Amino acid sequence: MGTILGRGWRLRCPRCGEGRLYPSARRWFVMHERCEACNLKYERDRGYFLGSTYINYGWTGMLLVVLYFGLHFGCGFTNTQLSFPLAAVFIGVPIVMWRHARSIWLAMDCVFDRTGFAEDE
């Protein structure tokens, strides 16, 4: 499980670990359809990556809670002072972590539902 999630964090194919999920850093929102090395089809069905939004939402929510409590109660910032920085985090983190959320979703699916990952159709 750790190996597959590590591959997910590195944006690699969860099955073989060799193929990259994204062609380049310049094409941020474009994902390969299949693994370059083992030919695993990444998107198993329409709407497959909808679950990755929950991962992204969870990361963003946890970060906002930690930042708010740390900065408000730990450093003494007021809610007014925190509104703009926390809004920037709320908007920026999901965009920055979008690729990783999709990759982790694919890796988790590979761990918990092996159907279709052992061999391609």
C-alpha atoms as a PDB file:
ATOM      1  CA  MET A   1       0.000   0.000   0.000  1.00  0.00           C
ATOM      2  CA  GLY A   2       2.822   2.397   0.851  1.00  0.00           C
ATOM      3  CA  THR A   3       4.527   1.749  -2.462  1.00  0.00           C
ATOM      4  CA  ILE A   4       1.380   2.448  -4.461  1.00  0.00           C
ATOM      5  CA  LEU A   5       0.554   5.625  -2.508  1.00  0.00           C
ATOM      6  CA  GLY A   6       4.178   6.737  -2.937  1.00  0.00           C
ATOM      7  CA  ARG A   7       3.799   6.280  -6.678  1.00  0.00           C
ATOM      8  CA  GLY A   8       0.616   8.326  -6.477  1.00  0.00           C
ATOM      9  CA  TRP A   9       2.361  11.154  -4.664  1.00  0.00           C
ATOM     10  CA  ARG A  10       5.132  11.141  -7.289  1.00  0.00           C
ATOM     11  CA  LEU A  11       2.472  11.293 -10.064  1.00  0.00           C
ATOM     12  CA  ARG A  12       3.398   7.870 -11.442  1.00  0.00           C
ATOM     13  CA  CYS A  13       1.321   4.930 -12.615  1.00  0.00           C
ATOM     14  CA  PRO A  14       0.045   3.012  -9.572  1.00  0.00           C
ATOM     15  CA  ARG A  15       0.477  -0.364 -11.283  1.00  0.00           C
ATOM     16  CA  CYS A  16       4.035  -0.186 -12.646  1.00  0.00           C
ATOM     17  CA  GLY A  17       5.469   3.023 -11.157  1.00  0.00           C
ATOM     18  CA  GLU A  18       7.251   3.884 -14.394  1.00  0.00           C
ATOM     19  CA  GLY A  19       4.720   5.785 -16.511  1.00  0.00           C
ATOM     20  CA  ARG A  20       3.985   9.413 -15.752  1.00  0.00           C
ATOM     21  CA  LEU A  21       0.374  10.518 -15.304  1.00  0.00           C
ATOM     22  CA  TYR A  22       0.957  13.997 -16.769  1.00  0.00           C
ATOM     23  CA  PRO A  23       2.921  14.803 -19.925  1.00  0.00           C
ATOM     24  CA  SER A  24       4.680  17.935 -18.640  1.00  0.00           C
ATOM     25  CA  ALA A  25       4.574  20.685 -16.059  1.00  0.00           C
ATOM     26  CA  ARG A  26       3.499  23.184 -18.719  1.00  0.00           C
ATOM     27  CA  ARG A  27       0.265  21.321 -19.493  1.00  0.00           C
ATOM     28  CA  TRP A  28      -1.060  21.405 -15.925  1.00  0.00           C
ATOM     29  CA  PHE A  29      -4.571  20.000 -16.434  1.00  0.00           C
ATOM     30  CA  VAL A  30      -3.852  17.449 -19.193  1.00  0.00           C
ATOM     31  CA  MET A  31      -3.506  13.831 -18.098  1.00  0.00           C
ATOM     32  CA  HIS A  32      -2.344  10.896 -20.186  1.00  0.00           C
ATOM     33  CA  GLU A  33      -5.139   8.510 -21.123  1.00  0.00           C
ATOM     34  CA  ARG A  34      -2.978   5.418 -20.558  1.00  0.00           C
ATOM     35  CA  CYS A  35       0.312   4.543 -18.911  1.00  0.00           C
ATOM     36  CA  GLU A  36       3.264   4.838 -21.269  1.00  0.00           C
ATOM     37  CA  ALA A  37       4.902   1.725 -19.801  1.00  0.00           C
ATOM     38  CA  CYS A  38       2.158  -0.796 -18.928  1.00  0.00           C
ATOM     39  CA  ASN A  39      -0.821   0.616 -20.896  1.00  0.00           C
ATOM     40  CA  LEU A  40      -3.086   0.917 -17.818  1.00  0.00           C
ATOM     41  CA  LYS A  41      -6.151   3.022 -18.618  1.00  0.00           C
ATOM     42  CA  TYR A  42      -6.272   5.767 -15.971  1.00  0.00           C
ATOM     43  CA  GLU A  43      -9.867   6.978 -16.270  1.00  0.00           C
ATOM     44  CA  ARG A  44     -11.935   3.845 -15.754  1.00  0.00           C
ATOM     45  CA  ASP A  45     -15.293   5.475 -16.550  1.00  0.00           C
ATOM     46  CA  ARG A  46     -16.875   8.892 -17.071  1.00  0.00           C
ATOM     47  CA  GLY A  47     -16.735  10.887 -13.855  1.00  0.00           C
ATOM     48  CA  TYR A  48     -14.168   8.513 -12.360  1.00  0.00           C
ATOM     49  CA  PHE A  49     -12.035  11.290 -10.895  1.00  0.00           C
ATOM     50  CA  LEU A  50     -14.942  12.973  -9.111  1.00  0.00           C
ATOM     51  CA  GLY A  51     -13.747  11.268  -5.926  1.00  0.00           C
ATOM     52  CA  SER A  52     -10.467  13.153  -6.141  1.00  0.00           C
ATOM     53  CA  THR A  53     -12.362  16.360  -5.383  1.00  0.00           C
ATOM     54  CA  TYR A  54     -13.133  14.954  -1.931  1.00  0.00           C
ATOM     55  CA  ILE A  55      -9.453  14.320  -1.321  1.00  0.00           C
ATOM     56  CA  ASN A  56      -8.623  17.843  -2.442  1.00  0.00           C
ATOM     57  CA  TYR A  57     -11.440  19.264  -0.309  1.00  0.00           C
ATOM     58  CA  GLY A  58     -10.219  17.338   2.724  1.00  0.00           C
ATOM     59  CA  TRP A  59      -6.636  18.561   2.359  1.00  0.00           C
ATOM     60  CA  THR A  60      -7.769  22.148   1.902  1.00  0.00           C
ATOM     61  CA  GLY A  61     -10.211  22.001   4.813  1.00  0.00           C
ATOM     62  CA  MET A  62      -7.640  20.530   7.193  1.00  0.00           C
ATOM     63  CA  LEU A  63      -5.041  23.102   6.167  1.00  0.00           C
ATOM     64  CA  LEU A  64      -7.508  25.978   6.656  1.00  0.00           C
ATOM     65  CA  VAL A  65      -8.516  24.755  10.120  1.00  0.00           C
ATOM     66  CA  VAL A  66      -4.893  24.335  11.216  1.00  0.00           C
ATOM     67  CA  LEU A  67      -3.912  27.732   9.812  1.00  0.00           C
ATOM     68  CA  TYR A  68      -6.894  29.496  11.321  1.00  0.00           C
ATOM     69  CA  PHE A  69      -6.459  28.107  14.819  1.00  0.00           C
ATOM     70  CA  GLY A  70      -2.686  28.507  14.708  1.00  0.00           C
ATOM     71  CA  LEU A  71      -2.742  32.071  13.451  1.00  0.00           C
ATOM     72  CA  HIS A  72      -5.828  33.268  15.340  1.00  0.00           C
ATOM     73  CA  PHE A  73      -5.253  31.711  18.737  1.00  0.00           C
ATOM     74  CA  GLY A  74      -1.497  31.131  18.562  1.00  0.00           C
ATOM     75  CA  CYS A  75      -0.327  34.371  16.955  1.00  0.00           C
ATOM     76  CA  GLY A  76      -3.264  36.631  17.833  1.00  0.00           C
ATOM     77  CA  PHE A  77      -4.344  37.656  14.333  1.00  0.00           C
ATOM     78  CA  THR A  78      -7.895  38.945  14.037  1.00  0.00           C
ATOM     79  CA  ASN A  79     -10.498  37.442  11.732  1.00  0.00           C
ATOM     80  CA  THR A  80     -10.278  40.535   9.537  1.00  0.00           C
ATOM     81  CA  GLN A  81      -6.526  40.128   9.178  1.00  0.00           C
ATOM     82  CA  LEU A  82      -6.909  36.452   8.331  1.00  0.00           C
ATOM     83  CA  SER A  83      -9.719  36.784   5.792  1.00  0.00           C
ATOM     84  CA  PHE A  84      -7.575  37.572   2.731  1.00  0.00           C
ATOM     85  CA  PRO A  85      -4.726  35.104   3.399  1.00  0.00           C
ATOM     86  CA  LEU A  86      -7.118  32.264   4.201  1.00  0.00           C
ATOM     87  CA  ALA A  87      -9.224  33.073   1.117  1.00  0.00           C
ATOM     88  CA  ALA A  88      -6.036  32.869  -0.962  1.00  0.00           C
ATOM     89  CA  VAL A  89      -5.281  29.455   0.576  1.00  0.00           C
ATOM     90  CA  PHE A  90      -8.881  28.374  -0.070  1.00  0.00           C
ATOM     91  CA  ILE A  91      -8.507  29.243  -3.764  1.00  0.00           C
ATOM     92  CA  GLY A  92      -4.850  28.358  -4.334  1.00  0.00           C
ATOM     93  CA  VAL A  93      -4.399  25.011  -2.599  1.00  0.00           C
ATOM     94  CA  PRO A  94      -7.030  23.094  -4.634  1.00  0.00           C
ATOM     95  CA  ILE A  95      -5.464  24.344  -7.857  1.00  0.00           C
ATOM     96  CA  VAL A  96      -1.924  23.471  -6.794  1.00  0.00           C
ATOM     97  CA  MET A  97      -2.908  20.064  -5.371  1.00  0.00           C
ATOM     98  CA  TRP A  98      -5.271  19.103  -8.221  1.00  0.00           C
ATOM     99  CA  ARG A  99      -2.813  16.754  -9.920  1.00  0.00           C
ATOM    100  CA  HIS A 100      -1.834  15.051  -6.675  1.00  0.00           C
ATOM    101  CA  ALA A 101      -5.461  14.574  -5.613  1.00  0.00           C
ATOM    102  CA  ARG A 102      -6.228  12.764  -8.877  1.00  0.00           C
ATOM    103  CA  SER A 103      -3.083  10.691  -8.603  1.00  0.00           C
ATOM    104  CA  ILE A 104      -3.786   9.692  -4.981  1.00  0.00           C
ATOM    105  CA  TRP A 105      -7.391   8.836  -5.919  1.00  0.00           C
ATOM    106  CA  LEU A 106      -6.115   6.520  -8.662  1.00  0.00           C
ATOM    107  CA  ALA A 107      -3.571   4.965  -6.272  1.00  0.00           C
ATOM    108  CA  MET A 108      -6.211   4.414  -3.565  1.00  0.00           C
ATOM    109  CA  ASP A 109      -8.505   2.797  -6.109  1.00  0.00           C
ATOM    110  CA  CYS A 110      -5.658   0.517  -7.130  1.00  0.00           C
ATOM    111  CA  VAL A 111      -5.170  -0.490  -3.483  1.00  0.00           C
ATOM    112  CA  PHE A 112      -8.809  -0.994  -2.493  1.00  0.00           C
ATOM    113  CA  ASP A 113     -10.365  -2.229  -5.764  1.00  0.00           C
ATOM    114  CA  ARG A 114      -7.920  -4.384  -7.705  1.00  0.00           C
ATOM    115  CA  THR A 115     -10.447  -5.013 -10.502  1.00  0.00           C
ATOM    116  CA  GLY A 116      -8.864  -3.895 -13.753  1.00  0.00           C
ATOM    117  CA  PHE A 117      -5.454  -3.119 -12.261  1.00  0.00           C
ATOM    118  CA  ALA A 118      -3.985  -6.622 -12.318  1.00  0.00           C
ATOM    119  CA  GLU A 119      -4.372  -6.904 -16.078  1.00  0.00           C
ATOM    120  CA  ASP A 120      -5.729  -4.558 -18.717  1.00  0.00           C
ATOM    121  CA  GLU A 121      -8.780  -5.470 -20.796  1.00  0.00           C
END
